[in-house]
Amino acid sequence: MNIMFGRCVGIEWCGALRILCVSILSIGPTSLFAYEFSSRMDAAQWQLDPSPLECRLWQHVPQYGEVVFSAQSGRELTFYLESDRPSLKKGKAAIKVTAPSWRQGIRDKTIAVVPLKKGSRPVELNEKWANWFLDELYGGMNPSIVLGAWHNHENAQVDLSSVNFQEAYSAYLSCVTALFPANYDQLKTTMLRYTTNGWRVQGKLKDKLDLLIQYINLDPEIEHVYIDGHTDFVGRRGHNWELSRLRSNAVSKYFEHNGVDPEMITMRYHGESRPMTRSRNRAGKAKNRRVYIQLYKPKVWNIRAKKENQPEAR
């Protein structure tokens, strides 16, 4: 993301910041924006939606939507605006910081210009900016985002209130420390490697499966688990067919014994018929001795898998 800090860097962003600031100042002292969205001091609340997979800290902004901090397992913290009225065009937005009314003598500052996107999340910022917002709120300041040409070519400002923030932030930090260490994108496919004629679940294989089982039990969107066993070319074909079955079956039984519903599991085995590589050297054989595990979540699986109703064996 192309974000400018401090002094201007680059003609385009420098000019954009000047234009946006001039347009703000030229509107007049009584009504700075065509639209300004904020919570009343007596009504401002921060909410936390905690889970082992996501800590969602958010504030409702009347007539606009929500401002959200989202920390997800295995991902960086993000900040975004969730608008009830989607933005219709791309543009630029300015990040400001404002002192509350009882802290006299602190001037408003425009900190940076960021991209404004179309859709219901017109502003989405990375971990660096999300932490900046958190620090300002914790310090009692009120960050704002000015949306340039929001609707009908008018500016709009969305305010974050620091009222009642610290208590919610403390709970948020506790939630973050308890997040699961990995997410679906990191666990949706897992490869287990085996020694020659090996098939039992032990050592590092067990550790990998334990992580998958914990995740399956946490994520209600996981509908199915596909387990595919394979071998190298060493030995007779019938022996390899049985060896691939033993590998798949051992993994399947391990899942079942540790609480995964057997109805969720499809076990398949392919012997030496689906090699990852045709190489018969040591490295090639090691690649082919495997069990491939896929976690199936319909909302994010590819179109081909949806049409076939099950992922392709690999």
Protein backbone atom coordinates (compact mmCIF):
# COMPACT_ATOMS: atom_id res chain seq x y z
CA MET A 1 0.00 0.00 0.00
CA ASN A 2 1.36 3.39 -0.98
CA ILE A 3 1.07 5.54 2.16
CA MET A 4 2.84 8.84 2.78
CA PHE A 5 4.24 9.81 6.18
CA GLY A 6 5.43 13.20 7.41
CA ARG A 7 6.66 15.40 4.58
CA CYS A 8 5.47 14.85 1.01
CA VAL A 9 7.18 12.19 -1.07
CA GLY A 10 6.21 12.15 -4.74
CA ILE A 11 4.36 14.78 -6.75
CA GLU A 12 1.07 12.88 -7.04
CA TRP A 13 0.59 12.16 -3.31
CA CYS A 14 1.93 15.54 -2.26
CA GLY A 15 -0.53 17.28 -4.53
CA ALA A 16 -3.38 15.03 -3.37
CA LEU A 17 -2.72 15.88 0.27
CA ARG A 18 -2.60 19.63 -0.45
CA ILE A 19 -5.81 19.53 -2.48
CA LEU A 20 -7.64 17.50 0.19
CA CYS A 21 -6.45 19.81 3.00
CA VAL A 22 -7.33 22.97 1.04
CA SER A 23 -10.81 21.61 0.29
CA ILE A 24 -11.33 20.88 3.99
CA LEU A 25 -10.22 24.35 5.10
CA SER A 26 -12.19 26.17 2.41
CA ILE A 27 -15.57 24.83 3.52
CA GLY A 28 -15.71 27.14 6.53
CA PRO A 29 -15.47 27.00 10.32
CA THR A 30 -19.07 26.07 11.10
CA SER A 31 -19.50 22.96 8.97
CA LEU A 32 -16.26 21.42 7.78
CA PHE A 33 -17.77 18.50 5.89
CA ALA A 34 -20.88 17.77 3.90
CA TYR A 35 -21.12 14.62 6.02
CA GLU A 36 -19.59 13.94 9.42
CA PHE A 37 -20.26 10.63 11.10
CA SER A 38 -19.48 10.13 14.79
CA SER A 39 -20.84 8.64 17.99
CA ARG A 40 -22.15 10.92 20.72
CA MET A 41 -19.89 10.99 23.76
CA ASP A 42 -22.62 9.54 25.99
CA ALA A 43 -23.32 6.75 23.50
CA ALA A 44 -19.86 5.79 22.21
CA GLN A 45 -19.03 2.16 22.93
CA TRP A 46 -16.30 -0.24 21.84
CA GLN A 47 -17.33 -3.86 21.33
CA LEU A 48 -15.20 -7.01 21.25
CA ASP A 49 -16.17 -10.18 19.39
CA PRO A 50 -13.63 -12.72 20.71
CA SER A 51 -12.89 -16.19 19.37
CA PRO A 52 -9.79 -18.40 19.01
CA LEU A 53 -9.74 -17.55 15.28
CA GLU A 54 -10.46 -13.79 15.32
CA CYS A 55 -10.47 -10.90 17.78
CA ARG A 56 -12.75 -8.22 16.34
CA LEU A 57 -12.69 -4.86 18.14
CA TRP A 58 -15.22 -2.43 16.69
CA GLN A 59 -17.28 0.70 17.21
CA HIS A 60 -20.64 1.50 15.67
CA VAL A 61 -20.75 4.86 13.90
CA PRO A 62 -24.38 5.99 13.54
CA GLN A 63 -25.62 6.45 9.97
CA TYR A 64 -22.30 5.19 8.57
CA GLY A 65 -21.48 1.66 9.71
CA GLU A 66 -18.56 0.36 11.75
CA VAL A 67 -14.86 0.96 12.31
CA VAL A 68 -13.11 -2.36 12.87
CA PHE A 69 -9.80 -3.74 14.12
CA SER A 70 -9.44 -7.39 13.12
CA ALA A 71 -6.71 -9.69 14.45
CA GLN A 72 -7.05 -13.17 12.91
CA SER A 73 -5.10 -16.32 13.68
CA GLY A 74 -1.95 -16.51 11.59
CA ARG A 75 -2.49 -13.05 10.05
CA GLU A 76 -1.41 -9.47 10.64
CA LEU A 77 -3.72 -7.00 12.34
CA THR A 78 -5.87 -4.93 9.96
CA PHE A 79 -8.10 -1.87 10.31
CA TYR A 80 -11.02 -1.10 8.02
CA LEU A 81 -14.19 0.89 7.61
CA GLU A 82 -17.36 -1.17 7.11
CA SER A 83 -19.86 1.12 5.40
CA ASP A 84 -23.61 0.53 5.21
CA ARG A 85 -23.58 2.59 2.04
CA PRO A 86 -20.86 1.31 -0.32
CA SER A 87 -18.46 3.75 -1.89
CA LEU A 88 -19.19 4.14 -5.62
CA LYS A 89 -15.79 5.25 -6.85
CA LYS A 90 -12.10 5.11 -6.08
CA GLY A 91 -10.24 8.10 -4.72
CA LYS A 92 -8.16 9.20 -1.78
CA ALA A 93 -8.77 9.51 1.95
CA ALA A 94 -6.91 11.52 4.58
CA ILE A 95 -6.02 10.23 8.04
CA LYS A 96 -6.38 12.87 10.78
CA VAL A 97 -6.01 12.99 14.52
CA THR A 98 -8.11 15.28 16.73
CA ALA A 99 -7.90 16.00 20.44
CA PRO A 100 -11.13 15.73 22.47
CA SER A 101 -12.78 19.03 23.37
CA TRP A 102 -11.49 19.02 26.95
CA ARG A 103 -7.83 18.89 25.81
CA GLN A 104 -7.30 22.49 24.79
CA GLY A 105 -4.31 23.68 22.78
CA ILE A 106 -3.78 20.53 20.68
CA ARG A 107 -4.27 21.21 16.99
CA ASP A 108 -5.82 18.78 14.52
CA LYS A 109 -3.23 17.14 12.25
CA THR A 110 -3.59 15.50 8.86
CA ILE A 111 -1.15 12.59 9.00
CA ALA A 112 -1.30 10.85 5.64
CA VAL A 113 -3.23 10.12 2.47
CA VAL A 114 -4.35 6.54 1.71
CA PRO A 115 -6.29 4.93 -1.16
CA LEU A 116 -10.09 5.07 -1.12
CA LYS A 117 -11.62 1.93 -2.67
CA LYS A 118 -15.02 1.12 -4.13
CA GLY A 119 -17.34 -1.09 -2.10
CA SER A 120 -18.40 -1.57 1.49
CA ARG A 121 -14.81 -1.41 2.78
CA PRO A 122 -13.60 1.86 1.28
CA VAL A 123 -10.55 2.08 3.56
CA GLU A 124 -8.51 -0.94 4.66
CA LEU A 125 -5.14 -0.46 6.34
CA ASN A 126 -2.26 -2.73 7.31
CA GLU A 127 -0.86 -3.60 10.72
CA LYS A 128 1.39 -0.55 10.94
CA TRP A 129 -1.53 1.84 10.54
CA ALA A 130 -3.89 -0.27 12.65
CA ASN A 131 -1.43 -0.05 15.55
CA TRP A 132 -1.12 3.71 15.03
CA PHE A 133 -4.91 4.03 15.42
CA LEU A 134 -4.83 1.87 18.56
CA ASP A 135 -2.05 3.96 20.10
CA GLU A 136 -3.90 7.23 19.41
CA LEU A 137 -7.14 5.89 20.89
CA TYR A 138 -5.37 4.53 23.95
CA GLY A 139 -3.81 7.96 24.45
CA GLY A 140 -7.25 9.58 24.46
CA MET A 141 -7.08 11.05 20.96
CA ASN A 142 -9.78 10.76 18.30
CA PRO A 143 -8.49 9.61 14.90
CA SER A 144 -10.62 10.41 11.84
CA ILE A 145 -10.70 9.44 8.19
CA VAL A 146 -11.77 12.02 5.61
CA LEU A 147 -13.25 10.36 2.53
CA GLY A 148 -12.66 12.52 -0.53
CA ALA A 149 -15.54 12.67 -3.05
CA TRP A 150 -17.51 10.16 -1.00
CA HIS A 151 -20.93 10.72 -2.57
CA ASN A 152 -22.01 13.54 -4.90
CA HIS A 153 -18.39 14.76 -4.92
CA GLU A 154 -18.65 15.80 -1.25
CA ASN A 155 -16.14 15.05 1.52
CA ALA A 156 -17.19 12.95 4.49
CA GLN A 157 -15.46 12.43 7.81
CA VAL A 158 -15.70 9.26 9.91
CA ASP A 159 -14.65 9.78 13.53
CA LEU A 160 -13.35 7.17 15.99
CA SER A 161 -14.14 8.01 19.61
CA SER A 162 -11.70 7.15 22.40
CA VAL A 163 -14.53 7.15 24.97
CA ASN A 164 -14.68 3.77 26.80
CA PHE A 165 -11.79 2.47 24.69
CA GLN A 166 -9.26 1.35 27.31
CA GLU A 167 -11.39 -1.32 28.97
CA ALA A 168 -12.30 -2.90 25.63
CA TYR A 169 -8.67 -2.68 24.51
CA SER A 170 -7.51 -4.60 27.57
CA ALA A 171 -9.94 -7.42 26.74
CA TYR A 172 -8.81 -7.30 23.11
CA LEU A 173 -5.17 -7.83 24.12
CA SER A 174 -6.16 -10.88 26.18
CA CYS A 175 -8.03 -12.24 23.17
CA VAL A 176 -5.03 -11.74 20.86
CA THR A 177 -2.69 -13.67 23.16
CA ALA A 178 -5.06 -16.66 22.98
CA LEU A 179 -5.43 -16.73 19.17
CA PHE A 180 -4.86 -20.07 17.45
CA PRO A 181 -1.40 -20.09 15.81
CA ALA A 182 -2.54 -20.81 12.23
CA ASN A 183 -5.42 -20.07 9.85
CA TYR A 184 -7.33 -21.90 7.14
CA ASP A 185 -5.10 -20.76 4.28
CA GLN A 186 -2.10 -22.21 6.11
CA LEU A 187 -3.81 -25.51 6.99
CA LYS A 188 -6.19 -26.24 4.10
CA THR A 189 -3.61 -28.60 2.57
CA THR A 190 -1.07 -30.62 4.53
CA MET A 191 1.51 -33.11 3.26
CA LEU A 192 2.79 -35.93 5.47
CA ARG A 193 6.08 -37.59 4.45
CA TYR A 194 7.09 -41.19 5.20
CA THR A 195 10.13 -43.42 5.29
CA THR A 196 10.22 -46.48 3.03
CA ASN A 197 7.36 -48.81 4.08
CA GLY A 198 6.44 -46.44 6.91
CA TRP A 199 2.75 -45.82 7.67
CA ARG A 200 2.27 -45.26 11.40
CA VAL A 201 1.34 -41.88 12.91
CA GLN A 202 4.18 -40.85 15.18
CA GLY A 203 6.71 -38.09 15.87
CA LYS A 204 6.36 -35.00 13.67
CA LEU A 205 3.43 -36.54 11.79
CA LYS A 206 1.48 -36.66 15.03
CA ASP A 207 2.28 -33.00 15.75
CA LYS A 208 0.96 -31.94 12.34
CA LEU A 209 -2.24 -33.93 12.77
CA ASP A 210 -2.82 -32.57 16.28
CA LEU A 211 -2.69 -29.02 14.87
CA LEU A 212 -5.21 -29.92 12.15
CA ILE A 213 -7.56 -31.58 14.63
CA GLN A 214 -7.55 -28.53 16.89
CA TYR A 215 -8.35 -26.29 13.94
CA ILE A 216 -11.15 -28.54 12.64
CA ASN A 217 -12.77 -28.43 16.07
CA LEU A 218 -12.55 -24.62 16.14
CA ASP A 219 -13.79 -23.78 12.64
CA PRO A 220 -17.47 -24.69 12.08
CA GLU A 221 -17.15 -23.93 8.36
CA ILE A 222 -14.98 -27.02 7.77
CA GLU A 223 -17.36 -29.55 6.26
CA HIS A 224 -15.09 -32.34 5.10
CA VAL A 225 -11.59 -33.81 5.33
CA TYR A 226 -10.05 -35.66 2.39
CA ILE A 227 -7.14 -38.04 3.03
CA ASP A 228 -5.15 -39.45 0.09
CA GLY A 229 -2.39 -42.03 0.55
CA HIS A 230 0.47 -42.59 -1.93
CA THR A 231 3.72 -44.56 -2.29
CA ASP A 232 6.90 -44.51 -4.34
CA PHE A 233 7.71 -47.05 -7.10
CA VAL A 234 9.75 -49.38 -4.88
CA GLY A 235 8.26 -52.86 -4.51
CA ARG A 236 5.37 -54.65 -6.16
CA ARG A 237 2.28 -52.75 -7.22
CA GLY A 238 -0.01 -54.75 -4.92
CA HIS A 239 2.26 -54.11 -1.96
CA ASN A 240 2.26 -50.38 -2.68
CA TRP A 241 -1.51 -50.30 -3.01
CA GLU A 242 -1.86 -51.84 0.44
CA LEU A 243 0.83 -49.56 1.89
CA SER A 244 -0.99 -46.45 0.66
CA ARG A 245 -4.18 -47.81 2.26
CA LEU A 246 -2.40 -48.33 5.57
CA ARG A 247 -1.11 -44.75 5.49
CA SER A 248 -4.51 -43.22 4.77
CA ASN A 249 -6.27 -45.46 7.24
CA ALA A 250 -3.84 -44.65 10.06
CA VAL A 251 -4.42 -40.92 9.54
CA SER A 252 -8.19 -41.40 9.31
CA LYS A 253 -8.31 -43.43 12.52
CA TYR A 254 -6.13 -40.87 14.31
CA PHE A 255 -8.59 -38.14 13.38
CA GLU A 256 -11.54 -40.24 14.56
CA HIS A 257 -9.90 -41.19 17.86
CA ASN A 258 -9.28 -37.51 18.54
CA GLY A 259 -12.82 -36.29 18.06
CA VAL A 260 -13.27 -35.68 14.32
CA ASP A 261 -16.66 -36.92 13.13
CA PRO A 262 -16.12 -40.00 10.89
CA GLU A 263 -18.88 -38.69 8.60
CA MET A 264 -16.60 -35.76 7.76
CA ILE A 265 -13.76 -37.99 6.56
CA THR A 266 -13.17 -39.42 3.10
CA MET A 267 -10.21 -41.78 2.91
CA ARG A 268 -8.66 -42.63 -0.47
CA TYR A 269 -5.49 -44.52 -1.48
CA HIS A 270 -3.70 -44.72 -4.82
CA GLY A 271 -0.56 -46.84 -4.45
CA GLU A 272 2.10 -45.63 -6.89
CA SER A 273 -0.41 -44.50 -9.54
CA ARG A 274 -0.28 -40.74 -8.84
CA PRO A 275 3.33 -39.76 -8.29
CA MET A 276 4.37 -36.18 -7.62
CA THR A 277 7.49 -36.85 -9.67
CA ARG A 278 8.67 -39.58 -12.05
CA SER A 279 12.19 -39.33 -10.71
CA ARG A 280 13.45 -42.59 -9.20
CA ASN A 281 16.34 -41.08 -7.25
CA ARG A 282 16.28 -40.74 -3.46
CA ALA A 283 14.67 -37.29 -3.46
CA GLY A 284 12.00 -38.33 -5.95
CA LYS A 285 11.06 -41.41 -3.95
CA ALA A 286 10.79 -39.32 -0.76
CA LYS A 287 8.37 -36.90 -2.46
CA ASN A 288 6.10 -39.74 -3.58
CA ARG A 289 5.85 -41.39 -0.14
CA ARG A 290 3.09 -39.20 1.24
CA VAL A 291 -0.39 -38.63 2.59
CA TYR A 292 -2.11 -35.50 1.30
CA ILE A 293 -4.81 -33.96 3.55
CA GLN A 294 -7.34 -31.37 2.37
CA LEU A 295 -9.77 -29.42 4.56
CA TYR A 296 -12.89 -28.58 2.61
CA LYS A 297 -14.66 -25.27 3.23
CA PRO A 298 -17.28 -24.65 0.50
CA LYS A 299 -17.23 -20.85 0.74
CA VAL A 300 -13.61 -20.60 -0.31
CA TRP A 301 -12.96 -23.75 -2.35
CA ASN A 302 -12.35 -23.38 -6.06
CA ILE A 303 -15.16 -23.59 -8.63
CA ARG A 304 -14.03 -26.95 -9.96
CA ALA A 305 -14.16 -28.54 -6.51
CA LYS A 306 -17.67 -27.18 -5.96
CA LYS A 307 -18.92 -28.62 -9.24
CA GLU A 308 -17.42 -32.04 -8.52
CA ASN A 309 -18.51 -31.81 -4.86
CA GLN A 310 -15.10 -33.02 -3.73
CA PRO A 311 -11.50 -31.96 -4.23
CA GLU A 312 -9.32 -33.80 -6.68
CA ALA A 313 -7.08 -36.42 -5.14
CA ARG A 314 -3.41 -35.49 -5.15
